[in-house]
PDB file of N, CA and C in Angstrom:
ATOM      1  N   MET A   1      56.770 224.863 250.408  1.00  0.00           N
ATOM      2  CA  MET A   1      56.499 224.492 249.000  1.00  0.00           C
ATOM      3  C   MET A   1      57.603 223.496 248.585  1.00  0.00           C
ATOM      4  N   SER A   2      57.194 222.550 247.735  1.00  0.00           N
ATOM      5  CA  SER A   2      57.977 221.664 247.387  1.00  0.00           C
ATOM      6  C   SER A   2      58.993 221.982 246.460  1.00  0.00           C
ATOM      7  N   SER A   3      60.148 221.176 246.354  1.00  0.00           N
ATOM      8  CA  SER A   3      61.159 221.606 245.446  1.00  0.00           C
ATOM      9  C   SER A   3      60.682 220.862 244.027  1.00  0.00           C
ATOM     10  N   LYS A   4      61.286 221.210 242.981  1.00  0.00           N
ATOM     11  CA  LYS A   4      60.941 220.682 241.739  1.00  0.00           C
ATOM     12  C   LYS A   4      61.229 219.132 241.646  1.00  0.00           C
ATOM     13  N   ASN A   5      62.345 218.726 242.335  1.00  0.00           N
ATOM     14  CA  ASN A   5      62.594 217.329 242.199  1.00  0.00           C
ATOM     15  C   ASN A   5      61.521 216.537 243.118  1.00  0.00           C
ATOM     16  N   LYS A   6      61.117 217.145 244.076  1.00  0.00           N
ATOM     17  CA  LYS A   6      59.943 216.477 245.095  1.00  0.00           C
ATOM     18  C   LYS A   6      58.675 216.369 244.198  1.00  0.00           C
ATOM     19  N   ILE A   7      58.406 217.481 243.436  1.00  0.00           N
ATOM     20  CA  ILE A   7      57.179 217.449 242.710  1.00  0.00           C
ATOM     21  C   ILE A   7      57.285 216.312 241.535  1.00  0.00           C
ATOM     22  N   ILE A   8      58.393 216.249 240.873  1.00  0.00           N
ATOM     23  CA  ILE A   8      58.518 215.335 239.802  1.00  0.00           C
ATOM     24  C   ILE A   8      58.513 213.792 240.507  1.00  0.00           C
ATOM     25  N   GLU A   9      59.005 213.674 241.622  1.00  0.00           N
ATOM     26  CA  GLU A   9      58.968 212.374 242.329  1.00  0.00           C
ATOM     27  C   GLU A   9      57.506 211.988 242.530  1.00  0.00           C
ATOM     28  N   LYS A  10      56.769 212.853 243.082  1.00  0.00           N
ATOM     29  CA  LYS A  10      55.323 212.739 243.264  1.00  0.00           C
ATOM     30  C   LYS A  10      54.489 212.458 242.083  1.00  0.00           C
ATOM     31  N   ILE A  11      54.869 213.096 241.032  1.00  0.00           N
ATOM     32  CA  ILE A  11      54.113 213.041 239.645  1.00  0.00           C
ATOM     33  C   ILE A  11      54.580 211.593 239.163  1.00  0.00           C
ATOM     34  N   ASN A  12      55.633 211.146 239.250  1.00  0.00           N
ATOM     35  CA  ASN A  12      56.100 209.857 238.874  1.00  0.00           C
ATOM     36  C   ASN A  12      55.455 208.684 239.604  1.00  0.00           C
ATOM     37  N   GLU A  13      55.365 208.982 240.901  1.00  0.00           N
ATOM     38  CA  GLU A  13      54.740 208.013 241.784  1.00  0.00           C
ATOM     39  C   GLU A  13      53.076 207.757 241.242  1.00  0.00           C
ATOM     40  N   VAL A  14      52.514 208.872 241.064  1.00  0.00           N
ATOM     41  CA  VAL A  14      51.042 208.902 240.765  1.00  0.00           C
ATOM     42  C   VAL A  14      50.751 208.316 239.286  1.00  0.00           C
ATOM     43  N   VAL A  15      51.594 208.696 238.489  1.00  0.00           N
ATOM     44  CA  VAL A  15      51.220 208.230 237.030  1.00  0.00           C
ATOM     45  C   VAL A  15      51.906 207.023 236.511  1.00  0.00           C
ATOM     46  N   LYS A  16      52.672 206.442 237.356  1.00  0.00           N
ATOM     47  CA  LYS A  16      53.404 205.104 237.145  1.00  0.00           C
ATOM     48  C   LYS A  16      52.533 204.060 236.515  1.00  0.00           C
ATOM     49  N   PRO A  17      51.203 203.861 237.137  1.00  0.00           N
ATOM     50  CA  PRO A  17      50.277 202.683 236.535  1.00  0.00           C
ATOM     51  C   PRO A  17      50.012 203.021 235.054  1.00  0.00           C
ATOM     52  N   TYR A  18      50.034 204.293 234.695  1.00  0.00           N
ATOM     53  CA  TYR A  18      49.684 204.719 233.405  1.00  0.00           C
ATOM     54  C   TYR A  18      50.746 204.825 232.328  1.00  0.00           C
ATOM     55  N   CYS A  19      51.974 204.892 232.876  1.00  0.00           N
ATOM     56  CA  CYS A  19      53.198 205.227 231.988  1.00  0.00           C
ATOM     57  C   CYS A  19      54.046 203.963 232.058  1.00  0.00           C
ATOM     58  N   ALA A  20      54.099 203.317 231.038  1.00  0.00           N
ATOM     59  CA  ALA A  20      55.075 202.054 231.040  1.00  0.00           C
ATOM     60  C   ALA A  20      56.344 202.413 230.795  1.00  0.00           C
ATOM     61  N   ARG A  21      56.587 203.455 230.128  1.00  0.00           N
ATOM     62  CA  ARG A  21      58.089 203.860 229.667  1.00  0.00           C
ATOM     63  C   ARG A  21      58.484 205.092 230.428  1.00  0.00           C
ATOM     64  N   GLU A  22      59.860 205.299 230.287  1.00  0.00           N
ATOM     65  CA  GLU A  22      60.456 206.458 230.970  1.00  0.00           C
ATOM     66  C   GLU A  22      59.720 207.777 230.652  1.00  0.00           C
ATOM     67  N   TRP A  23      59.440 207.952 229.356  1.00  0.00           N
ATOM     68  CA  TRP A  23      58.841 209.097 228.840  1.00  0.00           C
ATOM     69  C   TRP A  23      57.301 208.962 228.682  1.00  0.00           C
ATOM     70  N   CYS A  24      56.507 209.790 229.075  1.00  0.00           N
ATOM     71  CA  CYS A  24      55.112 209.637 229.119  1.00  0.00           C
ATOM     72  C   CYS A  24      54.346 210.956 228.945  1.00  0.00           C
ATOM     73  N   ILE A  25      53.467 211.138 228.030  1.00  0.00           N
ATOM     74  CA  ILE A  25      52.799 212.378 227.787  1.00  0.00           C
ATOM     75  C   ILE A  25      52.112 212.849 229.098  1.00  0.00           C
ATOM     76  N   LEU A  26      51.473 211.896 229.808  1.00  0.00           N
ATOM     77  CA  LEU A  26      50.828 212.378 230.899  1.00  0.00           C
ATOM     78  C   LEU A  26      51.734 212.895 232.043  1.00  0.00           C
ATOM     79  N   LYS A  27      52.902 212.400 232.259  1.00  0.00           N
ATOM     80  CA  LYS A  27      53.907 212.876 233.117  1.00  0.00           C
ATOM     81  C   LYS A  27      54.479 214.234 232.647  1.00  0.00           C
ATOM     82  N   GLU A  28      54.649 214.312 231.374  1.00  0.00           N
ATOM     83  CA  GLU A  28      55.131 215.740 230.898  1.00  0.00           C
ATOM     84  C   GLU A  28      54.107 216.739 230.907  1.00  0.00           C
ATOM     85  N   PHE A  29      52.797 216.393 230.786  1.00  0.00           N
ATOM     86  CA  PHE A  29      51.742 217.382 230.845  1.00  0.00           C
ATOM     87  C   PHE A  29      51.662 217.883 232.364  1.00  0.00           C
ATOM     88  N   CYS A  30      51.724 216.936 233.179  1.00  0.00           N
ATOM     89  CA  CYS A  30      51.812 217.214 234.714  1.00  0.00           C
ATOM     90  C   CYS A  30      52.899 218.191 235.192  1.00  0.00           C
ATOM     91  N   ILE A  31      54.120 217.783 234.579  1.00  0.00           N
ATOM     92  CA  ILE A  31      55.284 218.559 235.069  1.00  0.00           C
ATOM     93  C   ILE A  31      55.099 220.046 234.315  1.00  0.00           C
ATOM     94  N   SER A  32      54.808 220.014 233.075  1.00  0.00           N
ATOM     95  CA  SER A  32      54.871 221.401 232.255  1.00  0.00           C
ATOM     96  C   SER A  32      53.846 222.194 232.879  1.00  0.00           C
ATOM     97  N   LYS A  33      52.775 221.692 233.295  1.00  0.00           N
ATOM     98  CA  LYS A  33      51.607 222.575 233.679  1.00  0.00           C
ATOM     99  C   LYS A  33      51.757 222.870 235.288  1.00  0.00           C
ATOM    100  N   GLN A  34      52.812 222.414 235.878  1.00  0.00           N
ATOM    101  CA  GLN A  34      53.049 222.618 237.310  1.00  0.00           C
ATOM    102  C   GLN A  34      51.774 222.376 238.021  1.00  0.00           C
ATOM    103  N   ILE A  35      51.183 221.212 237.856  1.00  0.00           N
ATOM    104  CA  ILE A  35      50.137 220.681 238.530  1.00  0.00           C
ATOM    105  C   ILE A  35      50.303 220.744 240.037  1.00  0.00           C
ATOM    106  N   ASN A  36      49.404 220.984 240.755  1.00  0.00           N
ATOM    107  CA  ASN A  36      49.390 221.085 242.216  1.00  0.00           C
ATOM    108  C   ASN A  36      49.458 219.500 242.682  1.00  0.00           C
ATOM    109  N   VAL A  37      50.598 219.117 243.323  1.00  0.00           N
ATOM    110  CA  VAL A  37      50.872 217.644 243.680  1.00  0.00           C
ATOM    111  C   VAL A  37      49.800 217.310 244.659  1.00  0.00           C
ATOM    112  N   ARG A  38      49.408 218.130 245.531  1.00  0.00           N
ATOM    113  CA  ARG A  38      48.250 217.773 246.540  1.00  0.00           C
ATOM    114  C   ARG A  38      46.937 217.363 245.983  1.00  0.00           C
ATOM    115  N   VAL A  39      46.567 218.021 244.704  1.00  0.00           N
ATOM    116  CA  VAL A  39      45.394 217.701 243.819  1.00  0.00           C
ATOM    117  C   VAL A  39      45.609 216.341 243.351  1.00  0.00           C
ATOM    118  N   LEU A  40      46.838 216.274 242.738  1.00  0.00           N
ATOM    119  CA  LEU A  40      47.128 215.075 242.007  1.00  0.00           C
ATOM    120  C   LEU A  40      46.989 213.829 242.962  1.00  0.00           C
ATOM    121  N   ILE A  41      47.571 213.853 244.125  1.00  0.00           N
ATOM    122  CA  ILE A  41      47.492 212.857 245.123  1.00  0.00           C
ATOM    123  C   ILE A  41      46.124 212.608 245.548  1.00  0.00           C
ATOM    124  N   GLN A  42      45.371 213.579 245.751  1.00  0.00           N
ATOM    125  CA  GLN A  42      43.959 213.388 246.144  1.00  0.00           C
ATOM    126  C   GLN A  42      43.032 212.640 244.980  1.00  0.00           C
ATOM    127  N   LEU A  43      43.358 212.944 243.717  1.00  0.00           N
ATOM    128  CA  LEU A  43      42.684 212.370 242.755  1.00  0.00           C
ATOM    129  C   LEU A  43      43.193 210.866 242.675  1.00  0.00           C
ATOM    130  N   LYS A  44      44.327 210.530 242.989  1.00  0.00           N
ATOM    131  CA  LYS A  44      44.716 209.122 243.058  1.00  0.00           C
ATOM    132  C   LYS A  44      44.011 208.390 244.056  1.00  0.00           C
ATOM    133  N   CYS A  45      43.676 209.065 245.139  1.00  0.00           N
ATOM    134  CA  CYS A  45      43.002 208.389 246.285  1.00  0.00           C
ATOM    135  C   CYS A  45      41.635 208.353 245.934  1.00  0.00           C
ATOM    136  N   ILE A  46      41.024 209.149 245.186  1.00  0.00           N
ATOM    137  CA  ILE A  46      39.580 209.108 244.740  1.00  0.00           C
ATOM    138  C   ILE A  46      39.564 207.988 243.781  1.00  0.00           C
ATOM    139  N   GLU A  47      40.519 207.854 242.946  1.00  0.00           N
ATOM    140  CA  GLU A  47      40.526 206.800 241.894  1.00  0.00           C
ATOM    141  C   GLU A  47      40.495 205.445 242.633  1.00  0.00           C
ATOM    142  N   HIS A  48      41.411 205.291 243.709  1.00  0.00           N
ATOM    143  CA  HIS A  48      41.469 204.117 244.519  1.00  0.00           C
ATOM    144  C   HIS A  48      39.978 203.799 245.080  1.00  0.00           C
ATOM    145  N   ARG A  49      39.398 204.744 245.647  1.00  0.00           N
ATOM    146  CA  ARG A  49      38.140 204.641 246.219  1.00  0.00           C
ATOM    147  C   ARG A  49      37.002 204.202 245.210  1.00  0.00           C
ATOM    148  N   LYS A  50      37.161 204.811 243.937  1.00  0.00           N
ATOM    149  CA  LYS A  50      36.302 204.461 242.707  1.00  0.00           C
ATOM    150  C   LYS A  50      36.413 202.950 242.523  1.00  0.00           C
ATOM    151  N   PHE A  51      37.674 202.523 242.473  1.00  0.00           N
ATOM    152  CA  PHE A  51      37.944 201.106 242.088  1.00  0.00           C
ATOM    153  C   PHE A  51      37.186 200.210 243.146  1.00  0.00           C
ATOM    154  N   GLU A  52      37.414 200.556 244.439  1.00  0.00           N
ATOM    155  CA  GLU A  52      36.793 199.690 245.629  1.00  0.00           C
ATOM    156  C   GLU A  52      35.198 199.800 245.515  1.00  0.00           C
ATOM    157  N   LEU A  53      34.690 201.003 245.328  1.00  0.00           N
ATOM    158  CA  LEU A  53      33.279 201.059 245.197  1.00  0.00           C
ATOM    159  C   LEU A  53      32.714 200.152 244.067  1.00  0.00           C
ATOM    160  N   SER A  54      33.352 200.319 243.018  1.00  0.00           N
ATOM    161  CA  SER A  54      32.976 199.668 241.679  1.00  0.00           C
ATOM    162  C   SER A  54      33.055 198.072 242.021  1.00  0.00           C
ATOM    163  N   GLU A  55      34.015 197.747 242.697  1.00  0.00           N
ATOM    164  CA  GLU A  55      34.191 196.281 242.802  1.00  0.00           C
ATOM    165  C   GLU A  55      33.069 195.800 243.828  1.00  0.00           C
ATOM    166  N   LYS A  56      32.680 196.551 244.772  1.00  0.00           N
ATOM    167  CA  LYS A  56      31.647 196.240 245.602  1.00  0.00           C
ATOM    168  C   LYS A  56      30.418 195.919 244.866  1.00  0.00           C
ATOM    169  N   VAL A  57      30.075 196.864 244.057  1.00  0.00           N
ATOM    170  CA  VAL A  57      28.781 196.670 243.439  1.00  0.00           C
ATOM    171  C   VAL A  57      28.678 195.983 242.004  1.00  0.00           C
ATOM    172  N   GLY A  58      29.994 195.575 241.535  1.00  0.00           N
ATOM    173  CA  GLY A  58      30.068 194.786 240.487  1.00  0.00           C
ATOM    174  C   GLY A  58      30.001 195.532 239.110  1.00  0.00           C
ATOM    175  N   ARG A  59      30.204 196.767 239.143  1.00  0.00           N
ATOM    176  CA  ARG A  59      30.249 197.599 237.919  1.00  0.00           C
ATOM    177  C   ARG A  59      30.875 198.871 238.057  1.00  0.00           C
ATOM    178  N   ASP A  60      31.437 199.656 237.053  1.00  0.00           N
ATOM    179  CA  ASP A  60      32.079 200.854 237.228  1.00  0.00           C
ATOM    180  C   ASP A  60      31.121 202.029 237.816  1.00  0.00           C
ATOM    181  N   VAL A  61      31.363 202.430 238.869  1.00  0.00           N
ATOM    182  CA  VAL A  61      30.537 203.528 239.413  1.00  0.00           C
ATOM    183  C   VAL A  61      30.629 204.942 238.875  1.00  0.00           C
ATOM    184  N   GLY A  62      31.691 205.110 238.235  1.00  0.00           N
ATOM    185  CA  GLY A  62      32.193 206.388 237.642  1.00  0.00           C
ATOM    186  C   GLY A  62      32.683 207.384 238.454  1.00  0.00           C
ATOM    187  N   TRP A  63      33.275 208.371 237.881  1.00  0.00           N
ATOM    188  CA  TRP A  63      33.933 209.471 238.706  1.00  0.00           C
ATOM    189  C   TRP A  63      33.140 210.298 239.400  1.00  0.00           C
ATOM    190  N   LYS A  64      31.863 210.603 238.887  1.00  0.00           N
ATOM    191  CA  LYS A  64      30.966 211.549 239.599  1.00  0.00           C
ATOM    192  C   LYS A  64      30.640 210.867 240.802  1.00  0.00           C
ATOM    193  N   VAL A  65      30.197 209.716 240.793  1.00  0.00           N
ATOM    194  CA  VAL A  65      29.796 208.971 242.072  1.00  0.00           C
ATOM    195  C   VAL A  65      30.916 208.828 243.061  1.00  0.00           C
ATOM    196  N   ALA A  66      32.044 208.512 242.592  1.00  0.00           N
ATOM    197  CA  ALA A  66      33.269 208.348 243.421  1.00  0.00           C
ATOM    198  C   ALA A  66      33.638 209.664 244.177  1.00  0.00           C
ATOM    199  N   TYR A  67      33.649 210.756 243.282  1.00  0.00           N
ATOM    200  CA  TYR A  67      33.988 212.017 243.683  1.00  0.00           C
ATOM    201  C   TYR A  67      32.949 212.409 244.835  1.00  0.00           C
ATOM    202  N   THR A  68      31.659 212.331 244.600  1.00  0.00           N
ATOM    203  CA  THR A  68      30.575 212.716 245.570  1.00  0.00           C
ATOM    204  C   THR A  68      30.671 211.905 246.785  1.00  0.00           C
ATOM    205  N   GLU A  69      30.971 210.562 246.646  1.00  0.00           N
ATOM    206  CA  GLU A  69      31.144 209.827 247.904  1.00  0.00           C
ATOM    207  C   GLU A  69      32.416 210.183 248.580  1.00  0.00           C
ATOM    208  N   TRP A  70      33.457 210.568 247.982  1.00  0.00           N
ATOM    209  CA  TRP A  70      34.571 210.831 248.757  1.00  0.00           C
ATOM    210  C   TRP A  70      34.377 212.050 249.588  1.00  0.00           C
ATOM    211  N   ILE A  71      33.651 213.167 249.134  1.00  0.00           N
ATOM    212  CA  ILE A  71      33.282 214.252 249.902  1.00  0.00           C
ATOM    213  C   ILE A  71      32.320 213.916 250.975  1.00  0.00           C
ATOM    214  N   ASP A  72      31.171 213.361 250.501  1.00  0.00           N
ATOM    215  CA  ASP A  72      29.946 213.078 251.486  1.00  0.00           C
ATOM    216  C   ASP A  72      30.310 212.175 252.599  1.00  0.00           C
ATOM    217  N   SER A  73      31.306 211.206 252.374  1.00  0.00           N
ATOM    218  CA  SER A  73      31.567 210.305 253.456  1.00  0.00           C
ATOM    219  C   SER A  73      32.655 210.930 254.544  1.00  0.00           C
ATOM    220  N   GLY A  74      33.118 211.983 254.145  1.00  0.00           N
ATOM    221  CA  GLY A  74      34.087 212.479 255.133  1.00  0.00           C
ATOM    222  C   GLY A  74      35.609 212.258 254.659  1.00  0.00           C
ATOM    223  N   CYS A  75      35.743 211.593 253.543  1.00  0.00           N
ATOM    224  CA  CYS A  75      37.130 211.290 253.207  1.00  0.00           C
ATOM    225  C   CYS A  75      37.891 212.460 252.636  1.00  0.00           C
ATOM    226  N   ALA A  76      37.343 213.524 252.064  1.00  0.00           N
ATOM    227  CA  ALA A  76      38.085 214.745 251.664  1.00  0.00           C
ATOM    228  C   ALA A  76      38.440 215.343 252.938  1.00  0.00           C
ATOM    229  N   GLU A  77      37.719 215.464 253.922  1.00  0.00           N
ATOM    230  CA  GLU A  77      38.243 216.153 255.159  1.00  0.00           C
ATOM    231  C   GLU A  77      39.306 215.466 255.853  1.00  0.00           C
ATOM    232  N   LEU A  78      39.180 214.130 255.739  1.00  0.00           N
ATOM    233  CA  LEU A  78      40.286 213.257 256.436  1.00  0.00           C
ATOM    234  C   LEU A  78      41.618 213.354 255.611  1.00  0.00           C
ATOM    235  N   PHE A  79      41.425 213.482 254.306  1.00  0.00           N
ATOM    236  CA  PHE A  79      42.605 213.645 253.425  1.00  0.00           C
ATOM    237  C   PHE A  79      43.377 214.840 253.817  1.00  0.00           C
ATOM    238  N   SER A  80      42.609 216.053 254.140  1.00  0.00           N
ATOM    239  CA  SER A  80      43.179 217.155 254.476  1.00  0.00           C
ATOM    240  C   SER A  80      44.057 217.045 255.843  1.00  0.00           C
ATOM    241  N   LYS A  81      43.417 216.218 256.640  1.00  0.00           N
ATOM    242  CA  LYS A  81      44.065 215.980 258.017  1.00  0.00           C
ATOM    243  C   LYS A  81      45.391 215.085 257.731  1.00  0.00           C
ATOM    244  N   TYR A  82      45.205 214.187 257.005  1.00  0.00           N
ATOM    245  CA  TYR A  82      46.461 213.344 256.827  1.00  0.00           C
ATOM    246  C   TYR A  82      47.487 213.557 255.776  1.00  0.00           C
ATOM    247  N   TYR A  83      47.140 214.599 254.988  1.00  0.00           N
ATOM    248  CA  TYR A  83      48.060 214.815 253.847  1.00  0.00           C
ATOM    249  C   TYR A  83      49.478 215.269 254.370  1.00  0.00           C
ATOM    250  N   ASN A  84      50.427 214.749 253.849  1.00  0.00           N
ATOM    251  CA  ASN A  84      51.789 215.040 254.072  1.00  0.00           C
ATOM    252  C   ASN A  84      52.529 214.689 252.931  1.00  0.00           C
ATOM    253  N   GLU A  85      53.385 215.705 252.321  1.00  0.00           N
ATOM    254  CA  GLU A  85      53.970 215.463 251.026  1.00  0.00           C
ATOM    255  C   GLU A  85      55.074 214.380 251.121  1.00  0.00           C
ATOM    256  N   ASP A  86      55.414 213.980 252.307  1.00  0.00           N
ATOM    257  CA  ASP A  86      56.446 212.853 252.420  1.00  0.00           C
ATOM    258  C   ASP A  86      55.678 211.497 252.337  1.00  0.00           C
ATOM    259  N   LEU A  87      54.361 211.290 252.321  1.00  0.00           N
ATOM    260  CA  LEU A  87      53.672 210.087 252.199  1.00  0.00           C
ATOM    261  C   LEU A  87      53.234 209.937 250.762  1.00  0.00           C
ATOM    262  N   THR A  88      53.115 208.648 250.456  1.00  0.00           N
ATOM    263  CA  THR A  88      52.670 208.195 249.071  1.00  0.00           C
ATOM    264  C   THR A  88      51.036 208.389 249.209  1.00  0.00           C
ATOM    265  N   ALA A  89      50.405 208.379 247.840  1.00  0.00           N
ATOM    266  CA  ALA A  89      49.079 208.471 247.868  1.00  0.00           C
ATOM    267  C   ALA A  89      48.346 207.200 248.589  1.00  0.00           C
ATOM    268  N   GLU A  90      48.942 206.083 248.389  1.00  0.00           N
ATOM    269  CA  GLU A  90      48.547 204.759 249.035  1.00  0.00           C
ATOM    270  C   GLU A  90      48.527 204.950 250.484  1.00  0.00           C
ATOM    271  N   GLN A  91      49.603 205.443 250.955  1.00  0.00           N
ATOM    272  CA  GLN A  91      49.699 205.738 252.548  1.00  0.00           C
ATOM    273  C   GLN A  91      48.690 206.544 253.052  1.00  0.00           C
ATOM    274  N   ILE A  92      48.485 207.572 252.394  1.00  0.00           N
ATOM    275  CA  ILE A  92      47.442 208.651 252.693  1.00  0.00           C
ATOM    276  C   ILE A  92      46.075 207.997 252.661  1.00  0.00           C
ATOM    277  N   TYR A  93      45.778 207.194 251.602  1.00  0.00           N
ATOM    278  CA  TYR A  93      44.518 206.620 251.326  1.00  0.00           C
ATOM    279  C   TYR A  93      44.219 205.514 252.435  1.00  0.00           C
ATOM    280  N   LEU A  94      45.102 204.722 252.884  1.00  0.00           N
ATOM    281  CA  LEU A  94      44.912 203.786 253.871  1.00  0.00           C
ATOM    282  C   LEU A  94      44.495 204.454 255.189  1.00  0.00           C
ATOM    283  N   LYS A  95      45.204 205.593 255.453  1.00  0.00           N
ATOM    284  CA  LYS A  95      44.870 206.261 256.720  1.00  0.00           C
ATOM    285  C   LYS A  95      43.495 206.761 256.741  1.00  0.00           C
ATOM    286  N   VAL A  96      43.013 207.325 255.545  1.00  0.00           N
ATOM    287  CA  VAL A  96      41.703 207.743 255.308  1.00  0.00           C
ATOM    288  C   VAL A  96      40.630 206.763 255.528  1.00  0.00           C
ATOM    289  N   VAL A  97      40.735 205.613 254.738  1.00  0.00           N
ATOM    290  CA  VAL A  97      39.735 204.588 254.620  1.00  0.00           C
ATOM    291  C   VAL A  97      39.681 203.762 255.896  1.00  0.00           C
ATOM    292  N   LYS A  98      40.811 203.805 256.688  1.00  0.00           N
ATOM    293  CA  LYS A  98      40.843 203.167 258.003  1.00  0.00           C
ATOM    294  C   LYS A  98      39.654 203.813 258.866  1.00  0.00           C
ATOM    295  N   LYS A  99      39.495 205.097 258.719  1.00  0.00           N
ATOM    296  CA  LYS A  99      38.460 205.727 259.532  1.00  0.00           C
ATOM    297  C   LYS A  99      37.127 205.697 258.944  1.00  0.00           C
ATOM    298  N   ILE A 100      36.922 205.580 257.709  1.00  0.00           N
ATOM    299  CA  ILE A 100      35.662 205.414 256.968  1.00  0.00           C
ATOM    300  C   ILE A 100      35.600 204.329 256.115  1.00  0.00           C
ATOM    301  N   PRO A 101      34.638 203.362 256.370  1.00  0.00           N
ATOM    302  CA  PRO A 101      34.533 202.249 255.489  1.00  0.00           C
ATOM    303  C   PRO A 101      33.613 202.492 254.447  1.00  0.00           C
ATOM    304  N   ILE A 102      33.607 201.762 253.389  1.00  0.00           N
ATOM    305  CA  ILE A 102      32.652 201.897 252.303  1.00  0.00           C
ATOM    306  C   ILE A 102      31.408 201.652 252.650  1.00  0.00           C
ATOM    307  N   ARG A 103      30.513 202.660 252.302  1.00  0.00           N
ATOM    308  CA  ARG A 103      29.111 202.499 252.534  1.00  0.00           C
ATOM    309  C   ARG A 103      28.339 201.828 251.396  1.00  0.00           C
ATOM    310  N   LYS A 104      27.207 201.258 251.868  1.00  0.00           N
ATOM    311  CA  LYS A 104      26.323 200.616 250.923  1.00  0.00           C
ATOM    312  C   LYS A 104      25.606 201.522 249.927  1.00  0.00           C
TER     313      LYS A 104
END
């Protein structure tokens, strides 16, 4: 299990694009609720996938489509294989998508 400092470090990494200041309600919520860092990292990976899928079709595909595609394409399974708390969400994502390209 991760130490509190490791958890805070991972939360900071994931919420950084949404929190422009040192203090942020999103970060505080994640820390206070003791959110599972693995879930948070996987959500960040799905968000990245959503962005790429949306870019490909020229419109926002939405979370439901991104989440369904994440599972159906095998990305969720690969995430399980590659997840390591010492890696960033981006590093894990790159390992996952290297094996599974975006489908039409």
